[in-house]
């Protein structure tokens, strides 16, 4: 990517974040297919621009390809054969489709996978970007990221089904506000597959024209926070609002703490002798 274009990516991602939050706020006043599709498209663009800056253009494109490809395939198999998420069918609420799947759904898989990637790195390593590593390393980090993604689904699923009627379940087990719990297993499996595949294909990141700072990393965290606030305000049933606050709020808070550690703002007092078990996360990351 040309250095001039790369230098503008932080401005692009920050601008798209602001637009996304404005559209999200507008949705609080009244939902529509146009607003829902618009917020999904802006979220996709915001996360792609942010990923291109933090990870590099090539890595960002790989994540887009993996997440949209895996996401669409899983949703197509789910809506057609009941795989992963149970038997369901999308309604026209989410806009145009590719096969049986609304176009915005694979885009949302990418955005959430990218957020899960950044948040998991901040929680484990206190660093937004990870390097090529071992199989076990990648599996653990992918599992953490998949959990972050699935935390979002805990509150959004009942809202999408009962308020927006974005899809219709053929059969529910009633274990989650009338919804099936199979869907959460599907979210974990698909999210893990996306993040694990991306991590296994990781390459050394090229030097950034504009080194990332805390405000750059706040873009994906801001998207996740916006989605959390939306669920807290509009979640259905009301119990889902409290669940969303803690399910999404805890990983978000842990990621913010990791961000502060990365910036050196939050640090443990220095000790004269530091045992191996207390080495900084950066040193442990290099050792891994």
C-alpha atoms as a PDB file:
ATOM      1  CA  UNK A   1       0.000   0.000   0.000  1.00  0.00           C
ATOM      2  CA  UNK A   2       1.396   3.470  -0.876  1.00  0.00           C
ATOM      3  CA  UNK A   3       2.690   5.273   2.249  1.00  0.00           C
ATOM      4  CA  UNK A   4       0.437   8.288   1.604  1.00  0.00           C
ATOM      5  CA  UNK A   5      -2.677   6.117   1.533  1.00  0.00           C
ATOM      6  CA  UNK A   6      -1.548   4.195   4.614  1.00  0.00           C
ATOM      7  CA  UNK A   7      -1.059   7.464   6.508  1.00  0.00           C
ATOM      8  CA  UNK A   8      -4.680   8.348   5.807  1.00  0.00           C
ATOM      9  CA  UNK A   9      -6.106   5.070   7.089  1.00  0.00           C
ATOM     10  CA  UNK A  10      -6.377   6.259  10.731  1.00  0.00           C
ATOM     11  CA  UNK A  11      -8.420   9.258   9.581  1.00  0.00           C
ATOM     12  CA  UNK A  12     -10.619   7.056   7.396  1.00  0.00           C
ATOM     13  CA  UNK A  13     -11.265   4.510  10.156  1.00  0.00           C
ATOM     14  CA  UNK A  14     -11.952   7.216  12.769  1.00  0.00           C
ATOM     15  CA  UNK A  15     -14.360   8.993  10.409  1.00  0.00           C
ATOM     16  CA  UNK A  16     -16.193   5.760   9.645  1.00  0.00           C
ATOM     17  CA  UNK A  17     -16.359   4.974  13.372  1.00  0.00           C
ATOM     18  CA  UNK A  18     -18.053   8.322  13.993  1.00  0.00           C
ATOM     19  CA  UNK A  19     -20.525   7.667  11.154  1.00  0.00           C
ATOM     20  CA  UNK A  20     -21.201   4.154  12.462  1.00  0.00           C
ATOM     21  CA  UNK A  21     -21.981   5.440  15.955  1.00  0.00           C
ATOM     22  CA  UNK A  22     -24.275   8.128  14.512  1.00  0.00           C
ATOM     23  CA  UNK A  23     -26.189   5.576  12.437  1.00  0.00           C
ATOM     24  CA  UNK A  24     -26.384   3.289  15.468  1.00  0.00           C
ATOM     25  CA  UNK A  25     -27.815   6.175  17.497  1.00  0.00           C
ATOM     26  CA  UNK A  26     -30.342   6.845  14.738  1.00  0.00           C
ATOM     27  CA  UNK A  27     -31.416   3.195  14.890  1.00  0.00           C
ATOM     28  CA  UNK A  28     -32.266   3.683  18.551  1.00  0.00           C
ATOM     29  CA  UNK A  29     -34.950   6.129  17.408  1.00  0.00           C
ATOM     30  CA  UNK A  30     -36.466   3.622  14.995  1.00  0.00           C
ATOM     31  CA  UNK A  31     -35.257   0.621  13.027  1.00  0.00           C
ATOM     32  CA  UNK A  32     -35.446   0.158   9.269  1.00  0.00           C
ATOM     33  CA  UNK A  33     -33.803  -2.117   6.730  1.00  0.00           C
ATOM     34  CA  UNK A  34     -31.958   0.869   5.253  1.00  0.00           C
ATOM     35  CA  UNK A  35     -30.470   1.907   8.606  1.00  0.00           C
ATOM     36  CA  UNK A  36     -29.572  -1.660   9.518  1.00  0.00           C
ATOM     37  CA  UNK A  37     -27.813  -2.279   6.208  1.00  0.00           C
ATOM     38  CA  UNK A  38     -26.120   1.140   6.359  1.00  0.00           C
ATOM     39  CA  UNK A  39     -24.727   0.535   9.855  1.00  0.00           C
ATOM     40  CA  UNK A  40     -23.432  -2.899   8.785  1.00  0.00           C
ATOM     41  CA  UNK A  41     -21.717  -1.498   5.684  1.00  0.00           C
ATOM     42  CA  UNK A  42     -20.096   1.348   7.627  1.00  0.00           C
ATOM     43  CA  UNK A  43     -18.947  -1.054  10.361  1.00  0.00           C
ATOM     44  CA  UNK A  44     -17.395  -3.272   7.691  1.00  0.00           C
ATOM     45  CA  UNK A  45     -15.549  -0.334   6.093  1.00  0.00           C
ATOM     46  CA  UNK A  46     -14.427   1.022   9.457  1.00  0.00           C
ATOM     47  CA  UNK A  47     -12.979  -2.321  10.569  1.00  0.00           C
ATOM     48  CA  UNK A  48     -11.296  -2.941   7.200  1.00  0.00           C
ATOM     49  CA  UNK A  49      -9.578   0.460   7.278  1.00  0.00           C
ATOM     50  CA  UNK A  50      -8.533  -0.111  10.888  1.00  0.00           C
ATOM     51  CA  UNK A  51      -7.234  -3.615  10.101  1.00  0.00           C
ATOM     52  CA  UNK A  52      -5.276  -2.349   7.086  1.00  0.00           C
ATOM     53  CA  UNK A  53      -3.540   0.137   9.390  1.00  0.00           C
ATOM     54  CA  UNK A  54      -2.899  -2.130  12.382  1.00  0.00           C
ATOM     55  CA  UNK A  55      -2.201  -5.410  10.566  1.00  0.00           C
ATOM     56  CA  UNK A  56      -1.069  -4.250   7.134  1.00  0.00           C
ATOM     57  CA  UNK A  57      -3.041  -4.224   3.883  1.00  0.00           C
ATOM     58  CA  UNK A  58      -2.213  -7.827   2.968  1.00  0.00           C
ATOM     59  CA  UNK A  59      -3.182  -9.274   6.353  1.00  0.00           C
ATOM     60  CA  UNK A  60      -6.373  -7.212   6.412  1.00  0.00           C
ATOM     61  CA  UNK A  61      -7.358  -8.535   2.992  1.00  0.00           C
ATOM     62  CA  UNK A  62      -6.657 -12.109   4.144  1.00  0.00           C
ATOM     63  CA  UNK A  63      -8.897 -11.641   7.150  1.00  0.00           C
ATOM     64  CA  UNK A  64     -11.655 -10.158   4.975  1.00  0.00           C
ATOM     65  CA  UNK A  65     -11.440 -13.129   2.596  1.00  0.00           C
ATOM     66  CA  UNK A  66     -11.355 -15.749   5.369  1.00  0.00           C
ATOM     67  CA  UNK A  67     -14.118 -14.193   7.485  1.00  0.00           C
ATOM     68  CA  UNK A  68     -16.529 -13.403   4.656  1.00  0.00           C
ATOM     69  CA  UNK A  69     -15.871 -16.764   2.979  1.00  0.00           C
ATOM     70  CA  UNK A  70     -16.212 -18.866   6.127  1.00  0.00           C
ATOM     71  CA  UNK A  71     -19.074 -16.722   7.402  1.00  0.00           C
ATOM     72  CA  UNK A  72     -21.104 -16.953   4.206  1.00  0.00           C
ATOM     73  CA  UNK A  73     -20.514 -20.708   3.858  1.00  0.00           C
ATOM     74  CA  UNK A  74     -21.528 -21.409   7.462  1.00  0.00           C
ATOM     75  CA  UNK A  75     -24.668 -19.282   7.144  1.00  0.00           C
ATOM     76  CA  UNK A  76     -25.580 -20.849   3.801  1.00  0.00           C
ATOM     77  CA  UNK A  77     -25.219 -24.349   5.247  1.00  0.00           C
ATOM     78  CA  UNK A  78     -27.141 -23.248   8.314  1.00  0.00           C
ATOM     79  CA  UNK A  79     -30.088 -21.720   6.481  1.00  0.00           C
ATOM     80  CA  UNK A  80     -30.217 -24.548   3.919  1.00  0.00           C
ATOM     81  CA  UNK A  81     -29.428 -27.637   6.013  1.00  0.00           C
ATOM     82  CA  UNK A  82     -29.590 -26.576   9.659  1.00  0.00           C
ATOM     83  CA  UNK A  83     -25.852 -26.913  10.252  1.00  0.00           C
ATOM     84  CA  UNK A  84     -24.036 -24.994  13.019  1.00  0.00           C
ATOM     85  CA  UNK A  85     -26.881 -22.695  14.146  1.00  0.00           C
ATOM     86  CA  UNK A  86     -30.009 -24.838  13.768  1.00  0.00           C
ATOM     87  CA  UNK A  87     -32.709 -24.642  11.073  1.00  0.00           C
ATOM     88  CA  UNK A  88     -33.691 -21.083  10.165  1.00  0.00           C
ATOM     89  CA  UNK A  89     -34.581 -18.883   7.217  1.00  0.00           C
ATOM     90  CA  UNK A  90     -33.718 -15.218   6.697  1.00  0.00           C
ATOM     91  CA  UNK A  91     -36.482 -12.690   6.056  1.00  0.00           C
ATOM     92  CA  UNK A  92     -36.140  -9.592   3.790  1.00  0.00           C
ATOM     93  CA  UNK A  93     -35.277  -7.417   6.828  1.00  0.00           C
ATOM     94  CA  UNK A  94     -31.497  -7.618   6.292  1.00  0.00           C
ATOM     95  CA  UNK A  95     -31.586  -6.597   2.638  1.00  0.00           C
ATOM     96  CA  UNK A  96     -30.172  -8.213  -0.538  1.00  0.00           C
ATOM     97  CA  UNK A  97     -28.934 -11.803  -0.422  1.00  0.00           C
ATOM     98  CA  UNK A  98     -26.223 -13.957  -1.902  1.00  0.00           C
ATOM     99  CA  UNK A  99     -27.830 -17.378  -2.062  1.00  0.00           C
ATOM    100  CA  UNK A 100     -29.898 -17.695   1.109  1.00  0.00           C
ATOM    101  CA  UNK A 101     -27.692 -15.309   3.101  1.00  0.00           C
ATOM    102  CA  UNK A 102     -28.065 -11.499   3.322  1.00  0.00           C
ATOM    103  CA  UNK A 103     -24.936  -9.796   1.969  1.00  0.00           C
ATOM    104  CA  UNK A 104     -24.379  -7.874   5.212  1.00  0.00           C
ATOM    105  CA  UNK A 105     -24.040 -11.068   7.288  1.00  0.00           C
ATOM    106  CA  UNK A 106     -20.570 -12.117   5.997  1.00  0.00           C
ATOM    107  CA  UNK A 107     -19.498  -8.480   6.391  1.00  0.00           C
ATOM    108  CA  UNK A 108     -20.535  -8.586  10.025  1.00  0.00           C
ATOM    109  CA  UNK A 109     -18.569 -11.812  10.486  1.00  0.00           C
ATOM    110  CA  UNK A 110     -15.443  -9.996   9.331  1.00  0.00           C
ATOM    111  CA  UNK A 111     -15.990  -6.967  11.564  1.00  0.00           C
ATOM    112  CA  UNK A 112     -16.652  -9.093  14.644  1.00  0.00           C
ATOM    113  CA  UNK A 113     -13.737 -11.435  13.887  1.00  0.00           C
ATOM    114  CA  UNK A 114     -11.371  -8.468  13.586  1.00  0.00           C
ATOM    115  CA  UNK A 115     -12.619  -7.056  16.876  1.00  0.00           C
ATOM    116  CA  UNK A 116     -12.228 -10.483  18.494  1.00  0.00           C
ATOM    117  CA  UNK A 117      -8.657 -10.679  17.177  1.00  0.00           C
ATOM    118  CA  UNK A 118      -7.649  -7.286  18.602  1.00  0.00           C
ATOM    119  CA  UNK A 119      -9.432  -7.785  21.923  1.00  0.00           C
ATOM    120  CA  UNK A 120      -7.920 -11.247  22.478  1.00  0.00           C
ATOM    121  CA  UNK A 121      -4.424  -9.881  21.816  1.00  0.00           C
ATOM    122  CA  UNK A 122      -4.955  -7.015  24.251  1.00  0.00           C
ATOM    123  CA  UNK A 123      -6.277  -9.350  26.943  1.00  0.00           C
ATOM    124  CA  UNK A 124      -3.509 -11.944  26.634  1.00  0.00           C
ATOM    125  CA  UNK A 125      -0.468  -9.963  25.440  1.00  0.00           C
ATOM    126  CA  UNK A 126      -1.373  -6.321  26.168  1.00  0.00           C
ATOM    127  CA  UNK A 127      -0.624  -5.675  22.487  1.00  0.00           C
ATOM    128  CA  UNK A 128      -3.196  -5.216  19.678  1.00  0.00           C
ATOM    129  CA  UNK A 129      -1.215  -7.221  17.102  1.00  0.00           C
ATOM    130  CA  UNK A 130       0.189 -10.730  17.382  1.00  0.00           C
ATOM    131  CA  UNK A 131       3.042 -12.345  15.438  1.00  0.00           C
ATOM    132  CA  UNK A 132       3.295 -15.757  13.727  1.00  0.00           C
ATOM    133  CA  UNK A 133       3.396 -18.384  16.479  1.00  0.00           C
ATOM    134  CA  UNK A 134       2.906 -22.041  17.385  1.00  0.00           C
ATOM    135  CA  UNK A 135      -0.200 -24.129  16.763  1.00  0.00           C
ATOM    136  CA  UNK A 136      -1.153 -24.177  20.435  1.00  0.00           C
ATOM    137  CA  UNK A 137      -0.586 -20.449  20.791  1.00  0.00           C
ATOM    138  CA  UNK A 138      -2.869 -19.726  17.837  1.00  0.00           C
ATOM    139  CA  UNK A 139      -5.555 -22.122  19.085  1.00  0.00           C
ATOM    140  CA  UNK A 140      -5.731 -20.501  22.530  1.00  0.00           C
ATOM    141  CA  UNK A 141      -5.840 -16.964  21.147  1.00  0.00           C
ATOM    142  CA  UNK A 142      -8.453 -17.959  18.560  1.00  0.00           C
ATOM    143  CA  UNK A 143     -10.577 -19.476  21.332  1.00  0.00           C
ATOM    144  CA  UNK A 144     -10.389 -16.257  23.363  1.00  0.00           C
ATOM    145  CA  UNK A 145     -11.341 -14.228  20.284  1.00  0.00           C
ATOM    146  CA  UNK A 146     -14.236 -16.572  19.456  1.00  0.00           C
ATOM    147  CA  UNK A 147     -15.555 -16.107  22.984  1.00  0.00           C
ATOM    148  CA  UNK A 148     -15.456 -12.316  22.553  1.00  0.00           C
ATOM    149  CA  UNK A 149     -17.457 -12.634  19.328  1.00  0.00           C
ATOM    150  CA  UNK A 150     -20.004 -15.011  20.887  1.00  0.00           C
ATOM    151  CA  UNK A 151     -20.495 -12.653  23.848  1.00  0.00           C
ATOM    152  CA  UNK A 152     -21.990 -10.212  21.333  1.00  0.00           C
ATOM    153  CA  UNK A 153     -24.420 -12.857  20.092  1.00  0.00           C
ATOM    154  CA  UNK A 154     -25.780 -13.596  23.578  1.00  0.00           C
ATOM    155  CA  UNK A 155     -27.768 -10.366  23.586  1.00  0.00           C
ATOM    156  CA  UNK A 156     -28.277  -9.662  19.899  1.00  0.00           C
ATOM    157  CA  UNK A 157     -29.936 -12.958  18.908  1.00  0.00           C
ATOM    158  CA  UNK A 158     -33.229 -12.492  20.815  1.00  0.00           C
ATOM    159  CA  UNK A 159     -33.431  -8.888  19.562  1.00  0.00           C
ATOM    160  CA  UNK A 160     -32.855  -9.883  15.929  1.00  0.00           C
ATOM    161  CA  UNK A 161     -35.451 -12.674  16.114  1.00  0.00           C
ATOM    162  CA  UNK A 162     -38.244 -11.144  18.191  1.00  0.00           C
ATOM    163  CA  UNK A 163     -37.910  -7.405  17.509  1.00  0.00           C
ATOM    164  CA  UNK A 164     -36.473  -7.193  13.989  1.00  0.00           C
ATOM    165  CA  UNK A 165     -37.700 -10.616  12.862  1.00  0.00           C
ATOM    166  CA  UNK A 166     -34.517 -10.838  10.760  1.00  0.00           C
ATOM    167  CA  UNK A 167     -34.807 -14.611  10.584  1.00  0.00           C
ATOM    168  CA  UNK A 168     -37.275 -17.311  11.595  1.00  0.00           C
ATOM    169  CA  UNK A 169     -36.155 -20.382  13.504  1.00  0.00           C
ATOM    170  CA  UNK A 170     -37.776 -23.629  12.385  1.00  0.00           C
ATOM    171  CA  UNK A 171     -37.409 -25.062  15.881  1.00  0.00           C
ATOM    172  CA  UNK A 172     -36.285 -23.608  19.195  1.00  0.00           C
ATOM    173  CA  UNK A 173     -35.444 -25.399  22.420  1.00  0.00           C
ATOM    174  CA  UNK A 174     -36.506 -22.479  24.591  1.00  0.00           C
ATOM    175  CA  UNK A 175     -33.330 -22.516  26.647  1.00  0.00           C
ATOM    176  CA  UNK A 176     -32.339 -18.935  25.813  1.00  0.00           C
ATOM    177  CA  UNK A 177     -35.329 -16.578  25.890  1.00  0.00           C
ATOM    178  CA  UNK A 178     -37.148 -18.955  23.574  1.00  0.00           C
ATOM    179  CA  UNK A 179     -34.133 -19.286  21.278  1.00  0.00           C
ATOM    180  CA  UNK A 180     -31.985 -22.341  20.629  1.00  0.00           C
ATOM    181  CA  UNK A 181     -28.626 -22.634  22.361  1.00  0.00           C
ATOM    182  CA  UNK A 182     -27.234 -24.501  19.350  1.00  0.00           C
ATOM    183  CA  UNK A 183     -26.666 -21.138  17.718  1.00  0.00           C
ATOM    184  CA  UNK A 184     -24.070 -20.172  20.325  1.00  0.00           C
ATOM    185  CA  UNK A 185     -22.127 -23.367  19.700  1.00  0.00           C
ATOM    186  CA  UNK A 186     -22.230 -22.454  16.014  1.00  0.00           C
ATOM    187  CA  UNK A 187     -20.927 -18.962  16.721  1.00  0.00           C
ATOM    188  CA  UNK A 188     -18.036 -20.373  18.736  1.00  0.00           C
ATOM    189  CA  UNK A 189     -17.150 -22.917  16.044  1.00  0.00           C
ATOM    190  CA  UNK A 190     -17.314 -20.506  13.097  1.00  0.00           C
ATOM    191  CA  UNK A 191     -15.551 -17.665  14.952  1.00  0.00           C
ATOM    192  CA  UNK A 192     -12.813 -20.024  16.080  1.00  0.00           C
ATOM    193  CA  UNK A 193     -12.357 -21.380  12.536  1.00  0.00           C
ATOM    194  CA  UNK A 194     -12.029 -17.856  11.117  1.00  0.00           C
ATOM    195  CA  UNK A 195      -9.557 -16.625  13.716  1.00  0.00           C
ATOM    196  CA  UNK A 196      -7.533 -19.828  13.829  1.00  0.00           C
ATOM    197  CA  UNK A 197      -7.186 -19.921  10.030  1.00  0.00           C
ATOM    198  CA  UNK A 198      -6.154 -16.261   9.989  1.00  0.00           C
ATOM    199  CA  UNK A 199      -3.568 -16.745  12.717  1.00  0.00           C
ATOM    200  CA  UNK A 200      -2.112 -19.830  11.021  1.00  0.00           C
ATOM    201  CA  UNK A 201      -1.667 -17.807   7.821  1.00  0.00           C
ATOM    202  CA  UNK A 202      -0.039 -14.892   9.662  1.00  0.00           C
ATOM    203  CA  UNK A 203       3.041 -13.272   8.173  1.00  0.00           C
ATOM    204  CA  UNK A 204       5.518 -10.792   9.633  1.00  0.00           C
ATOM    205  CA  UNK A 205       3.847  -7.396   9.629  1.00  0.00           C
ATOM    206  CA  UNK A 206       5.539  -4.726   7.454  1.00  0.00           C
ATOM    207  CA  UNK A 207       6.610  -1.490   9.107  1.00  0.00           C
ATOM    208  CA  UNK A 208       3.673   0.913   9.321  1.00  0.00           C
ATOM    209  CA  UNK A 209       3.930   4.345   7.702  1.00  0.00           C
ATOM    210  CA  UNK A 210       2.102   5.655  10.783  1.00  0.00           C
ATOM    211  CA  UNK A 211       2.865   3.491  13.853  1.00  0.00           C
ATOM    212  CA  UNK A 212      -0.356   2.570  15.705  1.00  0.00           C
ATOM    213  CA  UNK A 213      -1.166   4.448  18.881  1.00  0.00           C
ATOM    214  CA  UNK A 214      -3.822   4.034  21.552  1.00  0.00           C
ATOM    215  CA  UNK A 215      -6.346   6.145  19.655  1.00  0.00           C
ATOM    216  CA  UNK A 216      -5.954   3.935  16.591  1.00  0.00           C
ATOM    217  CA  UNK A 217      -6.631   0.796  18.634  1.00  0.00           C
ATOM    218  CA  UNK A 218      -9.693   2.469  20.147  1.00  0.00           C
ATOM    219  CA  UNK A 219     -11.461   2.159  16.767  1.00  0.00           C
ATOM    220  CA  UNK A 220     -12.309  -1.578  17.000  1.00  0.00           C
ATOM    221  CA  UNK A 221     -12.932  -1.188  20.732  1.00  0.00           C
ATOM    222  CA  UNK A 222     -15.260   1.727  19.955  1.00  0.00           C
ATOM    223  CA  UNK A 223     -17.251  -0.404  17.512  1.00  0.00           C
ATOM    224  CA  UNK A 224     -17.648  -3.147  20.132  1.00  0.00           C
ATOM    225  CA  UNK A 225     -18.600  -0.585  22.783  1.00  0.00           C
ATOM    226  CA  UNK A 226     -21.201   0.943  20.462  1.00  0.00           C
ATOM    227  CA  UNK A 227     -22.759  -2.468  19.835  1.00  0.00           C
ATOM    228  CA  UNK A 228     -22.812  -3.107  23.586  1.00  0.00           C
ATOM    229  CA  UNK A 229     -24.530   0.205  24.387  1.00  0.00           C
ATOM    230  CA  UNK A 230     -27.105  -0.458  21.670  1.00  0.00           C
ATOM    231  CA  UNK A 231     -27.949  -3.825  23.251  1.00  0.00           C
ATOM    232  CA  UNK A 232     -28.065  -2.342  26.751  1.00  0.00           C
ATOM    233  CA  UNK A 233     -30.593   0.261  25.579  1.00  0.00           C
ATOM    234  CA  UNK A 234     -32.719  -1.827  23.212  1.00  0.00           C
ATOM    235  CA  UNK A 235     -32.077  -5.464  24.116  1.00  0.00           C
ATOM    236  CA  UNK A 236     -35.084  -7.769  24.180  1.00  0.00           C
ATOM    237  CA  UNK A 237     -36.252  -9.141  26.507  1.00  0.00           C
ATOM    238  CA  UNK A 238     -35.184  -6.675  29.174  1.00  0.00           C
ATOM    239  CA  UNK A 239     -33.052  -9.316  30.919  1.00  0.00           C
ATOM    240  CA  UNK A 240     -30.840  -9.464  27.827  1.00  0.00           C
ATOM    241  CA  UNK A 241     -29.762  -5.869  28.465  1.00  0.00           C
ATOM    242  CA  UNK A 242     -28.013  -6.737  31.714  1.00  0.00           C
ATOM    243  CA  UNK A 243     -26.511  -9.839  30.127  1.00  0.00           C
ATOM    244  CA  UNK A 244     -25.112  -7.747  27.267  1.00  0.00           C
ATOM    245  CA  UNK A 245     -23.604  -5.246  29.690  1.00  0.00           C
ATOM    246  CA  UNK A 246     -21.573  -7.871  31.526  1.00  0.00           C
ATOM    247  CA  UNK A 247     -20.996 -10.354  28.686  1.00  0.00           C
ATOM    248  CA  UNK A 248     -19.556  -7.660  26.408  1.00  0.00           C
ATOM    249  CA  UNK A 249     -18.436  -5.228  29.080  1.00  0.00           C
ATOM    250  CA  UNK A 250     -15.986  -7.564  30.797  1.00  0.00           C
ATOM    251  CA  UNK A 251     -13.837  -8.408  27.715  1.00  0.00           C
ATOM    252  CA  UNK A 252     -14.052  -4.765  26.658  1.00  0.00           C
ATOM    253  CA  UNK A 253     -12.806  -3.572  30.056  1.00  0.00           C
ATOM    254  CA  UNK A 254     -10.035  -6.187  30.043  1.00  0.00           C
ATOM    255  CA  UNK A 255      -8.999  -5.043  26.559  1.00  0.00           C
ATOM    256  CA  UNK A 256      -8.891  -1.401  27.671  1.00  0.00           C
ATOM    257  CA  UNK A 257      -6.676  -2.423  30.606  1.00  0.00           C
ATOM    258  CA  UNK A 258      -4.424  -4.272  28.146  1.00  0.00           C
ATOM    259  CA  UNK A 259      -4.316  -1.179  25.968  1.00  0.00           C
ATOM    260  CA  UNK A 260      -3.213   0.923  28.932  1.00  0.00           C
ATOM    261  CA  UNK A 261      -0.516  -1.649  29.728  1.00  0.00           C
ATOM    262  CA  UNK A 262       0.633  -1.534  26.077  1.00  0.00           C
ATOM    263  CA  UNK A 263       0.944   2.230  26.324  1.00  0.00           C
ATOM    264  CA  UNK A 264       2.791   2.036  29.649  1.00  0.00           C
ATOM    265  CA  UNK A 265       0.033   3.997  31.389  1.00  0.00           C
ATOM    266  CA  UNK A 266      -0.991   1.096  33.617  1.00  0.00           C
ATOM    267  CA  UNK A 267       2.037  -0.690  35.034  1.00  0.00           C
ATOM    268  CA  UNK A 268       2.985  -2.695  38.093  1.00  0.00           C
ATOM    269  CA  UNK A 269       5.554  -1.137  40.444  1.00  0.00           C
ATOM    270  CA  UNK A 270       9.068  -2.181  39.525  1.00  0.00           C
ATOM    271  CA  UNK A 271      10.643  -4.835  41.760  1.00  0.00           C
ATOM    272  CA  UNK A 272      14.317  -5.336  42.481  1.00  0.00           C
ATOM    273  CA  UNK A 273      14.116  -9.020  41.531  1.00  0.00           C
ATOM    274  CA  UNK A 274      11.482 -10.211  39.109  1.00  0.00           C
ATOM    275  CA  UNK A 275      10.729 -13.955  39.020  1.00  0.00           C
ATOM    276  CA  UNK A 276      10.206 -15.651  35.682  1.00  0.00           C
ATOM    277  CA  UNK A 277       6.492 -16.056  36.353  1.00  0.00           C
ATOM    278  CA  UNK A 278       6.126 -12.290  36.632  1.00  0.00           C
ATOM    279  CA  UNK A 279       7.849 -11.359  33.403  1.00  0.00           C
ATOM    280  CA  UNK A 280       6.020  -8.742  31.324  1.00  0.00           C
ATOM    281  CA  UNK A 281       3.582 -10.048  28.733  1.00  0.00           C
ATOM    282  CA  UNK A 282       5.785  -8.705  25.932  1.00  0.00           C
ATOM    283  CA  UNK A 283       8.700 -10.880  27.077  1.00  0.00           C
ATOM    284  CA  UNK A 284       6.487 -13.939  27.383  1.00  0.00           C
ATOM    285  CA  UNK A 285       5.067 -13.229  23.945  1.00  0.00           C
ATOM    286  CA  UNK A 286       8.542 -13.192  22.409  1.00  0.00           C
ATOM    287  CA  UNK A 287       9.415 -16.435  24.189  1.00  0.00           C
ATOM    288  CA  UNK A 288       6.290 -18.109  22.823  1.00  0.00           C
END
